[in-house]
């Protein structure tokens, strides 16, 4: 994954290493969400670093990992995490909400 900011990339690599035990895509999503949360807390929602993490999260090549991430989290999300999921759903134009109801054929 390529980043425009070296500090952002360094933080991502650290978080990616800590996300052992997940598939490659889910590790990327886990690391990106952790980096997003960190820089949003430190720099605010309008930070260029925050926007770059969102751009990576909404990229088509991570869509499967993003869906899997929210399936894995299920209903164990805080209100802030739910709002972020809804924001990503709007940006990707895809419902990322966990739904354990079986789909009718």
PDB file of N, CA and C in Angstrom:
ATOM      1  N   UNK A   1       0.852  -1.162   0.000  1.00  0.00           N
ATOM      2  CA  UNK A   1       0.000   0.000   0.000  1.00  0.00           C
ATOM      3  C   UNK A   1       0.902   1.230   0.000  1.00  0.00           C
ATOM      4  N   UNK A   2       0.585   2.157  -0.849  1.00  0.00           N
ATOM      5  CA  UNK A   2       1.381   3.376  -0.971  1.00  0.00           C
ATOM      6  C   UNK A   2       0.680   4.554  -0.297  1.00  0.00           C
ATOM      7  N   UNK A   3       1.446   5.308   0.480  1.00  0.00           N
ATOM      8  CA  UNK A   3       0.932   6.481   1.170  1.00  0.00           C
ATOM      9  C   UNK A   3       1.722   7.700   0.725  1.00  0.00           C
ATOM     10  N   UNK A   4       1.092   8.847   0.740  1.00  0.00           N
ATOM     11  CA  UNK A   4       1.768  10.086   0.378  1.00  0.00           C
ATOM     12  C   UNK A   4       2.536  10.675   1.554  1.00  0.00           C
ATOM     13  N   UNK A   5       2.236  10.216   2.762  1.00  0.00           N
ATOM     14  CA  UNK A   5       2.829  10.768   3.973  1.00  0.00           C
ATOM     15  C   UNK A   5       3.648   9.686   4.692  1.00  0.00           C
ATOM     16  N   UNK A   6       4.948   9.914   4.923  1.00  0.00           N
ATOM     17  CA  UNK A   6       5.778   8.890   5.573  1.00  0.00           C
ATOM     18  C   UNK A   6       5.317   8.540   6.991  1.00  0.00           C
ATOM     19  N   UNK A   7       4.818   9.513   7.741  1.00  0.00           N
ATOM     20  CA  UNK A   7       4.345   9.236   9.096  1.00  0.00           C
ATOM     21  C   UNK A   7       3.097   8.352   9.065  1.00  0.00           C
ATOM     22  N   UNK A   8       2.244   8.595   8.107  1.00  0.00           N
ATOM     23  CA  UNK A   8       1.050   7.778   7.934  1.00  0.00           C
ATOM     24  C   UNK A   8       1.447   6.347   7.586  1.00  0.00           C
ATOM     25  N   UNK A   9       2.383   6.197   6.680  1.00  0.00           N
ATOM     26  CA  UNK A   9       2.844   4.866   6.286  1.00  0.00           C
ATOM     27  C   UNK A   9       3.488   4.128   7.454  1.00  0.00           C
ATOM     28  N   UNK A  10       4.298   4.823   8.240  1.00  0.00           N
ATOM     29  CA  UNK A  10       4.950   4.211   9.399  1.00  0.00           C
ATOM     30  C   UNK A  10       3.914   3.706  10.405  1.00  0.00           C
ATOM     31  N   UNK A  11       2.917   4.508  10.664  1.00  0.00           N
ATOM     32  CA  UNK A  11       1.847   4.123  11.585  1.00  0.00           C
ATOM     33  C   UNK A  11       1.087   2.919  11.038  1.00  0.00           C
ATOM     34  N   UNK A  12       0.794   2.932   9.745  1.00  0.00           N
ATOM     35  CA  UNK A  12       0.084   1.826   9.106  1.00  0.00           C
ATOM     36  C   UNK A  12       0.880   0.526   9.238  1.00  0.00           C
ATOM     37  N   UNK A  13       2.176   0.565   8.967  1.00  0.00           N
ATOM     38  CA  UNK A  13       3.014  -0.641   9.036  1.00  0.00           C
ATOM     39  C   UNK A  13       2.991  -1.214  10.453  1.00  0.00           C
ATOM     40  N   UNK A  14       3.076  -0.332  11.460  1.00  0.00           N
ATOM     41  CA  UNK A  14       3.012  -0.798  12.853  1.00  0.00           C
ATOM     42  C   UNK A  14       1.683  -1.480  13.152  1.00  0.00           C
ATOM     43  N   UNK A  15       0.590  -0.844  12.738  1.00  0.00           N
ATOM     44  CA  UNK A  15      -0.741  -1.402  13.011  1.00  0.00           C
ATOM     45  C   UNK A  15      -0.965  -2.691  12.217  1.00  0.00           C
ATOM     46  N   UNK A  16      -0.456  -2.742  10.992  1.00  0.00           N
ATOM     47  CA  UNK A  16      -0.596  -3.945  10.169  1.00  0.00           C
ATOM     48  C   UNK A  16       0.104  -5.125  10.833  1.00  0.00           C
ATOM     49  N   UNK A  17       1.281  -4.887  11.385  1.00  0.00           N
ATOM     50  CA  UNK A  17       2.041  -5.943  12.062  1.00  0.00           C
ATOM     51  C   UNK A  17       1.273  -6.470  13.273  1.00  0.00           C
ATOM     52  N   UNK A  18       0.594  -5.584  13.971  1.00  0.00           N
ATOM     53  CA  UNK A  18      -0.161  -5.982  15.164  1.00  0.00           C
ATOM     54  C   UNK A  18      -1.445  -6.741  14.830  1.00  0.00           C
ATOM     55  N   UNK A  19      -1.896  -6.657  13.595  1.00  0.00           N
ATOM     56  CA  UNK A  19      -3.169  -7.270  13.206  1.00  0.00           C
ATOM     57  C   UNK A  19      -2.996  -8.716  12.740  1.00  0.00           C
ATOM     58  N   UNK A  20      -2.063  -9.418  13.326  1.00  0.00           N
ATOM     59  CA  UNK A  20      -1.838 -10.828  12.964  1.00  0.00           C
ATOM     60  C   UNK A  20      -3.080 -11.651  13.280  1.00  0.00           C
ATOM     61  N   UNK A  21      -3.286 -12.707  12.528  1.00  0.00           N
ATOM     62  CA  UNK A  21      -4.413 -13.588  12.780  1.00  0.00           C
ATOM     63  C   UNK A  21      -5.590 -13.360  11.854  1.00  0.00           C
ATOM     64  N   UNK A  22      -5.529 -12.334  11.036  1.00  0.00           N
ATOM     65  CA  UNK A  22      -6.580 -12.050  10.061  1.00  0.00           C
ATOM     66  C   UNK A  22      -6.045 -12.329   8.661  1.00  0.00           C
ATOM     67  N   UNK A  23      -6.943 -12.400   7.697  1.00  0.00           N
ATOM     68  CA  UNK A  23      -6.531 -12.513   6.302  1.00  0.00           C
ATOM     69  C   UNK A  23      -5.801 -11.233   5.897  1.00  0.00           C
ATOM     70  N   UNK A  24      -5.109 -11.269   4.779  1.00  0.00           N
ATOM     71  CA  UNK A  24      -4.360 -10.109   4.314  1.00  0.00           C
ATOM     72  C   UNK A  24      -5.212  -8.867   4.160  1.00  0.00           C
ATOM     73  N   UNK A  25      -6.366  -9.006   3.494  1.00  0.00           N
ATOM     74  CA  UNK A  25      -7.258  -7.856   3.306  1.00  0.00           C
ATOM     75  C   UNK A  25      -7.792  -7.344   4.632  1.00  0.00           C
ATOM     76  N   UNK A  26      -8.171  -8.261   5.521  1.00  0.00           N
ATOM     77  CA  UNK A  26      -8.699  -7.820   6.818  1.00  0.00           C
ATOM     78  C   UNK A  26      -7.613  -7.158   7.659  1.00  0.00           C
ATOM     79  N   UNK A  27      -6.371  -7.618   7.533  1.00  0.00           N
ATOM     80  CA  UNK A  27      -5.267  -6.958   8.239  1.00  0.00           C
ATOM     81  C   UNK A  27      -5.104  -5.531   7.733  1.00  0.00           C
ATOM     82  N   UNK A  28      -5.221  -5.348   6.424  1.00  0.00           N
ATOM     83  CA  UNK A  28      -5.113  -4.006   5.857  1.00  0.00           C
ATOM     84  C   UNK A  28      -6.226  -3.116   6.390  1.00  0.00           C
ATOM     85  N   UNK A  29      -7.452  -3.635   6.385  1.00  0.00           N
ATOM     86  CA  UNK A  29      -8.600  -2.864   6.869  1.00  0.00           C
ATOM     87  C   UNK A  29      -8.439  -2.554   8.354  1.00  0.00           C
ATOM     88  N   UNK A  30      -8.055  -3.531   9.129  1.00  0.00           N
ATOM     89  CA  UNK A  30      -7.854  -3.328  10.572  1.00  0.00           C
ATOM     90  C   UNK A  30      -6.815  -2.235  10.809  1.00  0.00           C
ATOM     91  N   UNK A  31      -5.695  -2.311  10.096  1.00  0.00           N
ATOM     92  CA  UNK A  31      -4.631  -1.313  10.257  1.00  0.00           C
ATOM     93  C   UNK A  31      -5.103   0.068   9.812  1.00  0.00           C
ATOM     94  N   UNK A  32      -5.803   0.129   8.693  1.00  0.00           N
ATOM     95  CA  UNK A  32      -6.287   1.421   8.200  1.00  0.00           C
ATOM     96  C   UNK A  32      -7.288   2.059   9.154  1.00  0.00           C
ATOM     97  N   UNK A  33      -8.177   1.260   9.711  1.00  0.00           N
ATOM     98  CA  UNK A  33      -9.152   1.805  10.656  1.00  0.00           C
ATOM     99  C   UNK A  33      -8.438   2.303  11.916  1.00  0.00           C
ATOM    100  N   UNK A  34      -7.456   1.555  12.394  1.00  0.00           N
ATOM    101  CA  UNK A  34      -6.700   1.982  13.575  1.00  0.00           C
ATOM    102  C   UNK A  34      -5.943   3.280  13.298  1.00  0.00           C
ATOM    103  N   UNK A  35      -5.342   3.378  12.113  1.00  0.00           N
ATOM    104  CA  UNK A  35      -4.611   4.588  11.734  1.00  0.00           C
ATOM    105  C   UNK A  35      -5.583   5.759  11.585  1.00  0.00           C
ATOM    106  N   UNK A  36      -6.724   5.497  10.964  1.00  0.00           N
ATOM    107  CA  UNK A  36      -7.752   6.533  10.825  1.00  0.00           C
ATOM    108  C   UNK A  36      -8.155   7.065  12.196  1.00  0.00           C
ATOM    109  N   UNK A  37      -8.466   6.160  13.111  1.00  0.00           N
ATOM    110  CA  UNK A  37      -8.902   6.563  14.445  1.00  0.00           C
ATOM    111  C   UNK A  37      -7.821   7.385  15.158  1.00  0.00           C
ATOM    112  N   UNK A  38      -6.566   6.963  15.035  1.00  0.00           N
ATOM    113  CA  UNK A  38      -5.465   7.665  15.684  1.00  0.00           C
ATOM    114  C   UNK A  38      -5.331   9.094  15.147  1.00  0.00           C
ATOM    115  N   UNK A  39      -5.255   9.220  13.823  1.00  0.00           N
ATOM    116  CA  UNK A  39      -5.054  10.548  13.262  1.00  0.00           C
ATOM    117  C   UNK A  39      -6.298  11.434  13.386  1.00  0.00           C
ATOM    118  N   UNK A  40      -7.470  10.842  13.412  1.00  0.00           N
ATOM    119  CA  UNK A  40      -8.667  11.653  13.647  1.00  0.00           C
ATOM    120  C   UNK A  40      -8.644  12.210  15.060  1.00  0.00           C
ATOM    121  N   UNK A  41      -8.219  11.392  16.009  1.00  0.00           N
ATOM    122  CA  UNK A  41      -8.135  11.846  17.391  1.00  0.00           C
ATOM    123  C   UNK A  41      -7.061  12.935  17.532  1.00  0.00           C
ATOM    124  N   UNK A  42      -5.920  12.760  16.867  1.00  0.00           N
ATOM    125  CA  UNK A  42      -4.802  13.692  17.009  1.00  0.00           C
ATOM    126  C   UNK A  42      -4.965  14.972  16.177  1.00  0.00           C
ATOM    127  N   UNK A  43      -5.543  14.832  14.965  1.00  0.00           N
ATOM    128  CA  UNK A  43      -5.550  15.955  14.032  1.00  0.00           C
ATOM    129  C   UNK A  43      -6.940  16.433  13.631  1.00  0.00           C
ATOM    130  N   UNK A  44      -7.952  15.677  13.972  1.00  0.00           N
ATOM    131  CA  UNK A  44      -9.311  16.061  13.626  1.00  0.00           C
ATOM    132  C   UNK A  44      -9.784  15.441  12.311  1.00  0.00           C
ATOM    133  N   UNK A  45     -11.079  15.524  12.068  1.00  0.00           N
ATOM    134  CA  UNK A  45     -11.675  14.838  10.917  1.00  0.00           C
ATOM    135  C   UNK A  45     -11.287  15.422   9.561  1.00  0.00           C
ATOM    136  N   UNK A  46     -10.757  16.630   9.530  1.00  0.00           N
ATOM    137  CA  UNK A  46     -10.415  17.259   8.252  1.00  0.00           C
ATOM    138  C   UNK A  46      -8.944  17.088   7.883  1.00  0.00           C
ATOM    139  N   UNK A  47      -8.236  16.295   8.658  1.00  0.00           N
ATOM    140  CA  UNK A  47      -6.826  16.038   8.413  1.00  0.00           C
ATOM    141  C   UNK A  47      -6.620  15.329   7.071  1.00  0.00           C
ATOM    142  N   UNK A  48      -5.574  15.715   6.368  1.00  0.00           N
ATOM    143  CA  UNK A  48      -5.234  15.045   5.102  1.00  0.00           C
ATOM    144  C   UNK A  48      -4.930  13.571   5.339  1.00  0.00           C
ATOM    145  N   UNK A  49      -4.341  13.248   6.470  1.00  0.00           N
ATOM    146  CA  UNK A  49      -4.035  11.845   6.789  1.00  0.00           C
ATOM    147  C   UNK A  49      -5.320  11.046   6.995  1.00  0.00           C
ATOM    148  N   UNK A  50      -6.277  11.651   7.658  1.00  0.00           N
ATOM    149  CA  UNK A  50      -7.572  10.989   7.861  1.00  0.00           C
ATOM    150  C   UNK A  50      -8.235  10.728   6.506  1.00  0.00           C
ATOM    151  N   UNK A  51      -8.203  11.722   5.645  1.00  0.00           N
ATOM    152  CA  UNK A  51      -8.823  11.563   4.323  1.00  0.00           C
ATOM    153  C   UNK A  51      -8.105  10.516   3.489  1.00  0.00           C
ATOM    154  N   UNK A  52      -6.790  10.427   3.622  1.00  0.00           N
ATOM    155  CA  UNK A  52      -6.064   9.413   2.856  1.00  0.00           C
ATOM    156  C   UNK A  52      -6.417   8.008   3.331  1.00  0.00           C
ATOM    157  N   UNK A  53      -6.585   7.817   4.643  1.00  0.00           N
ATOM    158  CA  UNK A  53      -6.983   6.489   5.120  1.00  0.00           C
ATOM    159  C   UNK A  53      -8.377   6.132   4.608  1.00  0.00           C
ATOM    160  N   UNK A  54      -9.274   7.096   4.575  1.00  0.00           N
ATOM    161  CA  UNK A  54     -10.621   6.844   4.052  1.00  0.00           C
ATOM    162  C   UNK A  54     -10.547   6.478   2.570  1.00  0.00           C
ATOM    163  N   UNK A  55      -9.712   7.169   1.824  1.00  0.00           N
ATOM    164  CA  UNK A  55      -9.553   6.847   0.400  1.00  0.00           C
ATOM    165  C   UNK A  55      -9.086   5.410   0.207  1.00  0.00           C
ATOM    166  N   UNK A  56      -8.142   4.979   1.028  1.00  0.00           N
ATOM    167  CA  UNK A  56      -7.670   3.590   0.929  1.00  0.00           C
ATOM    168  C   UNK A  56      -8.774   2.611   1.320  1.00  0.00           C
ATOM    169  N   UNK A  57      -9.510   2.923   2.392  1.00  0.00           N
ATOM    170  CA  UNK A  57     -10.572   2.021   2.852  1.00  0.00           C
ATOM    171  C   UNK A  57     -11.686   1.861   1.821  1.00  0.00           C
ATOM    172  N   UNK A  58     -11.965   2.904   1.073  1.00  0.00           N
ATOM    173  CA  UNK A  58     -13.071   2.812   0.115  1.00  0.00           C
ATOM    174  C   UNK A  58     -12.624   2.325  -1.255  1.00  0.00           C
ATOM    175  N   UNK A  59     -11.356   1.986  -1.402  1.00  0.00           N
ATOM    176  CA  UNK A  59     -10.862   1.521  -2.691  1.00  0.00           C
ATOM    177  C   UNK A  59     -11.469   0.153  -3.026  1.00  0.00           C
ATOM    178  N   UNK A  60     -11.741  -0.092  -4.295  1.00  0.00           N
ATOM    179  CA  UNK A  60     -12.370  -1.362  -4.707  1.00  0.00           C
ATOM    180  C   UNK A  60     -11.575  -2.606  -4.312  1.00  0.00           C
ATOM    181  N   UNK A  61     -10.249  -2.515  -4.287  1.00  0.00           N
ATOM    182  CA  UNK A  61      -9.470  -3.706  -3.964  1.00  0.00           C
ATOM    183  C   UNK A  61      -9.542  -4.085  -2.483  1.00  0.00           C
ATOM    184  N   UNK A  62     -10.066  -3.222  -1.630  1.00  0.00           N
ATOM    185  CA  UNK A  62     -10.247  -3.561  -0.217  1.00  0.00           C
ATOM    186  C   UNK A  62     -11.706  -3.784   0.161  1.00  0.00           C
ATOM    187  N   UNK A  63     -12.593  -3.717  -0.804  1.00  0.00           N
ATOM    188  CA  UNK A  63     -14.024  -3.826  -0.506  1.00  0.00           C
ATOM    189  C   UNK A  63     -14.367  -5.155   0.168  1.00  0.00           C
ATOM    190  N   UNK A  64     -13.808  -6.254  -0.314  1.00  0.00           N
ATOM    191  CA  UNK A  64     -14.080  -7.551   0.316  1.00  0.00           C
ATOM    192  C   UNK A  64     -13.588  -7.588   1.750  1.00  0.00           C
ATOM    193  N   UNK A  65     -12.408  -7.073   2.000  1.00  0.00           N
ATOM    194  CA  UNK A  65     -11.872  -7.018   3.356  1.00  0.00           C
ATOM    195  C   UNK A  65     -12.688  -6.122   4.260  1.00  0.00           C
ATOM    196  N   UNK A  66     -13.207  -5.042   3.704  1.00  0.00           N
ATOM    197  CA  UNK A  66     -14.047  -4.132   4.480  1.00  0.00           C
ATOM    198  C   UNK A  66     -15.360  -4.806   4.870  1.00  0.00           C
ATOM    199  N   UNK A  67     -15.974  -5.494   3.919  1.00  0.00           N
ATOM    200  CA  UNK A  67     -17.206  -6.242   4.236  1.00  0.00           C
ATOM    201  C   UNK A  67     -16.930  -7.301   5.297  1.00  0.00           C
ATOM    202  N   UNK A  68     -15.825  -8.055   5.126  1.00  0.00           N
ATOM    203  CA  UNK A  68     -15.461  -9.099   6.092  1.00  0.00           C
ATOM    204  C   UNK A  68     -15.198  -8.507   7.471  1.00  0.00           C
ATOM    205  N   UNK A  69     -14.562  -7.333   7.495  1.00  0.00           N
ATOM    206  CA  UNK A  69     -14.263  -6.684   8.772  1.00  0.00           C
ATOM    207  C   UNK A  69     -15.548  -6.392   9.544  1.00  0.00           C
ATOM    208  N   UNK A  70     -16.520  -5.820   8.859  1.00  0.00           N
ATOM    209  CA  UNK A  70     -17.766  -5.483   9.548  1.00  0.00           C
ATOM    210  C   UNK A  70     -18.595  -6.722   9.870  1.00  0.00           C
ATOM    211  N   UNK A  71     -18.475  -7.781   9.082  1.00  0.00           N
ATOM    212  CA  UNK A  71     -19.118  -9.054   9.452  1.00  0.00           C
ATOM    213  C   UNK A  71     -18.459  -9.611  10.703  1.00  0.00           C
ATOM    214  N   UNK A  72     -17.151  -9.530  10.777  1.00  0.00           N
ATOM    215  CA  UNK A  72     -16.395 -10.035  11.929  1.00  0.00           C
ATOM    216  C   UNK A  72     -16.761  -9.252  13.198  1.00  0.00           C
ATOM    217  N   UNK A  73     -16.880  -7.938  13.068  1.00  0.00           N
ATOM    218  CA  UNK A  73     -17.218  -7.095  14.224  1.00  0.00           C
ATOM    219  C   UNK A  73     -18.640  -7.330  14.684  1.00  0.00           C
ATOM    220  N   UNK A  74     -19.509  -7.641  13.718  1.00  0.00           N
ATOM    221  CA  UNK A  74     -20.902  -7.906  14.047  1.00  0.00           C
ATOM    222  C   UNK A  74     -21.559  -6.746  14.756  1.00  0.00           C
ATOM    223  N   UNK A  75     -22.175  -7.026  15.866  1.00  0.00           N
ATOM    224  CA  UNK A  75     -22.930  -6.013  16.599  1.00  0.00           C
ATOM    225  C   UNK A  75     -22.112  -5.396  17.734  1.00  0.00           C
ATOM    226  N   UNK A  76     -20.820  -5.686  17.799  1.00  0.00           N
ATOM    227  CA  UNK A  76     -19.977  -5.201  18.895  1.00  0.00           C
ATOM    228  C   UNK A  76     -19.311  -3.876  18.542  1.00  0.00           C
ATOM    229  N   UNK A  77     -20.053  -2.943  18.019  1.00  0.00           N
ATOM    230  CA  UNK A  77     -19.495  -1.647  17.626  1.00  0.00           C
ATOM    231  C   UNK A  77     -19.994  -0.546  18.558  1.00  0.00           C
ATOM    232  N   UNK A  78     -19.116   0.407  18.811  1.00  0.00           N
ATOM    233  CA  UNK A  78     -19.507   1.578  19.589  1.00  0.00           C
ATOM    234  C   UNK A  78     -20.283   2.529  18.678  1.00  0.00           C
ATOM    235  N   UNK A  79     -20.980   3.502  19.236  1.00  0.00           N
ATOM    236  CA  UNK A  79     -21.679   4.477  18.397  1.00  0.00           C
ATOM    237  C   UNK A  79     -20.747   5.204  17.405  1.00  0.00           C
ATOM    238  N   UNK A  80     -19.528   5.513  17.825  1.00  0.00           N
ATOM    239  CA  UNK A  80     -18.569   6.173  16.935  1.00  0.00           C
ATOM    240  C   UNK A  80     -18.188   5.238  15.779  1.00  0.00           C
ATOM    241  N   UNK A  81     -17.981   3.958  16.091  1.00  0.00           N
ATOM    242  CA  UNK A  81     -17.645   2.984  15.049  1.00  0.00           C
ATOM    243  C   UNK A  81     -18.815   2.767  14.087  1.00  0.00           C
ATOM    244  N   UNK A  82     -20.017   2.806  14.616  1.00  0.00           N
ATOM    245  CA  UNK A  82     -21.201   2.671  13.760  1.00  0.00           C
ATOM    246  C   UNK A  82     -21.307   3.860  12.821  1.00  0.00           C
ATOM    247  N   UNK A  83     -21.060   5.063  13.330  1.00  0.00           N
ATOM    248  CA  UNK A  83     -21.102   6.257  12.479  1.00  0.00           C
ATOM    249  C   UNK A  83     -20.043   6.185  11.380  1.00  0.00           C
ATOM    250  N   UNK A  84     -18.846   5.694  11.710  1.00  0.00           N
ATOM    251  CA  UNK A  84     -17.794   5.569  10.706  1.00  0.00           C
ATOM    252  C   UNK A  84     -18.191   4.524   9.655  1.00  0.00           C
ATOM    253  N   UNK A  85     -18.775   3.418  10.105  1.00  0.00           N
ATOM    254  CA  UNK A  85     -19.249   2.401   9.160  1.00  0.00           C
ATOM    255  C   UNK A  85     -20.295   2.992   8.226  1.00  0.00           C
ATOM    256  N   UNK A  86     -21.205   3.789   8.769  1.00  0.00           N
ATOM    257  CA  UNK A  86     -22.230   4.424   7.940  1.00  0.00           C
ATOM    258  C   UNK A  86     -21.616   5.416   6.959  1.00  0.00           C
ATOM    259  N   UNK A  87     -20.596   6.147   7.405  1.00  0.00           N
ATOM    260  CA  UNK A  87     -19.895   7.065   6.507  1.00  0.00           C
ATOM    261  C   UNK A  87     -19.248   6.289   5.356  1.00  0.00           C
ATOM    262  N   UNK A  88     -18.567   5.190   5.680  1.00  0.00           N
ATOM    263  CA  UNK A  88     -17.946   4.375   4.636  1.00  0.00           C
ATOM    264  C   UNK A  88     -19.003   3.760   3.717  1.00  0.00           C
ATOM    265  N   UNK A  89     -20.141   3.381   4.273  1.00  0.00           N
ATOM    266  CA  UNK A  89     -21.234   2.840   3.450  1.00  0.00           C
ATOM    267  C   UNK A  89     -21.711   3.879   2.440  1.00  0.00           C
ATOM    268  N   UNK A  90     -21.853   5.107   2.900  1.00  0.00           N
ATOM    269  CA  UNK A  90     -22.270   6.170   1.975  1.00  0.00           C
ATOM    270  C   UNK A  90     -21.222   6.405   0.892  1.00  0.00           C
ATOM    271  N   UNK A  91     -19.963   6.440   1.281  1.00  0.00           N
ATOM    272  CA  UNK A  91     -18.888   6.714   0.333  1.00  0.00           C
ATOM    273  C   UNK A  91     -18.693   5.591  -0.682  1.00  0.00           C
ATOM    274  N   UNK A  92     -18.892   4.351  -0.233  1.00  0.00           N
ATOM    275  CA  UNK A  92     -18.715   3.210  -1.134  1.00  0.00           C
ATOM    276  C   UNK A  92     -20.004   2.842  -1.857  1.00  0.00           C
ATOM    277  N   UNK A  93     -21.106   3.452  -1.406  1.00  0.00           N
ATOM    278  CA  UNK A  93     -22.434   3.128  -1.941  1.00  0.00           C
ATOM    279  C   UNK A  93     -22.746   1.644  -1.795  1.00  0.00           C
ATOM    280  N   UNK A  94     -22.344   1.137  -0.645  1.00  0.00           N
ATOM    281  CA  UNK A  94     -22.562  -0.272  -0.325  1.00  0.00           C
ATOM    282  C   UNK A  94     -22.931  -0.381   1.140  1.00  0.00           C
ATOM    283  N   UNK A  95     -23.909  -1.206   1.457  1.00  0.00           N
ATOM    284  CA  UNK A  95     -24.323  -1.399   2.838  1.00  0.00           C
ATOM    285  C   UNK A  95     -23.310  -2.288   3.543  1.00  0.00           C
ATOM    286  N   UNK A  96     -22.565  -1.710   4.474  1.00  0.00           N
ATOM    287  CA  UNK A  96     -21.558  -2.469   5.216  1.00  0.00           C
ATOM    288  C   UNK A  96     -22.076  -2.911   6.577  1.00  0.00           C
ATOM    289  N   UNK A  97     -23.353  -2.678   6.821  1.00  0.00           N
ATOM    290  CA  UNK A  97     -23.945  -3.036   8.106  1.00  0.00           C
ATOM    291  C   UNK A  97     -24.014  -4.545   8.253  1.00  0.00           C
ATOM    292  N   UNK A  98     -23.664  -5.014   9.448  1.00  0.00           N
ATOM    293  CA  UNK A  98     -23.751  -6.433   9.754  1.00  0.00           C
ATOM    294  C   UNK A  98     -25.217  -6.838   9.757  1.00  0.00           C
ATOM    295  N   UNK A  99     -25.495  -7.942   9.093  1.00  0.00           N
ATOM    296  CA  UNK A  99     -26.861  -8.446   9.046  1.00  0.00           C
ATOM    297  C   UNK A  99     -26.804  -9.958   9.174  1.00  0.00           C
ATOM    298  N   UNK A 100     -27.266 -10.479  10.315  1.00  0.00           N
ATOM    299  CA  UNK A 100     -27.198 -11.928  10.510  1.00  0.00           C
ATOM    300  C   UNK A 100     -28.472 -12.639  10.062  1.00  0.00           C
ATOM    301  N   UNK A 101     -29.362 -11.892   9.450  1.00  0.00           N
ATOM    302  CA  UNK A 101     -30.585 -12.502   8.930  1.00  0.00           C
ATOM    303  C   UNK A 101     -30.261 -13.283   7.656  1.00  0.00           C
ATOM    304  N   UNK A 102     -30.777 -14.488   7.517  1.00  0.00           N
ATOM    305  CA  UNK A 102     -30.525 -15.246   6.291  1.00  0.00           C
ATOM    306  C   UNK A 102     -31.188 -14.556   5.091  1.00  0.00           C
ATOM    307  N   UNK A 103     -30.536 -14.672   3.963  1.00  0.00           N
ATOM    308  CA  UNK A 103     -31.060 -14.073   2.743  1.00  0.00           C
ATOM    309  C   UNK A 103     -31.984 -15.068   2.074  1.00  0.00           C
ATOM    310  N   UNK A 104     -33.179 -14.606   1.680  1.00  0.00           N
ATOM    311  CA  UNK A 104     -34.118 -15.486   0.977  1.00  0.00           C
ATOM    312  C   UNK A 104     -33.683 -15.663  -0.466  1.00  0.00           C
ATOM    313  N   UNK A 105     -33.735 -16.892  -0.982  1.00  0.00           N
ATOM    314  CA  UNK A 105     -33.346 -17.107  -2.381  1.00  0.00           C
ATOM    315  C   UNK A 105     -34.315 -16.516  -3.366  1.00  0.00           C
TER     316      UNK A 105
END
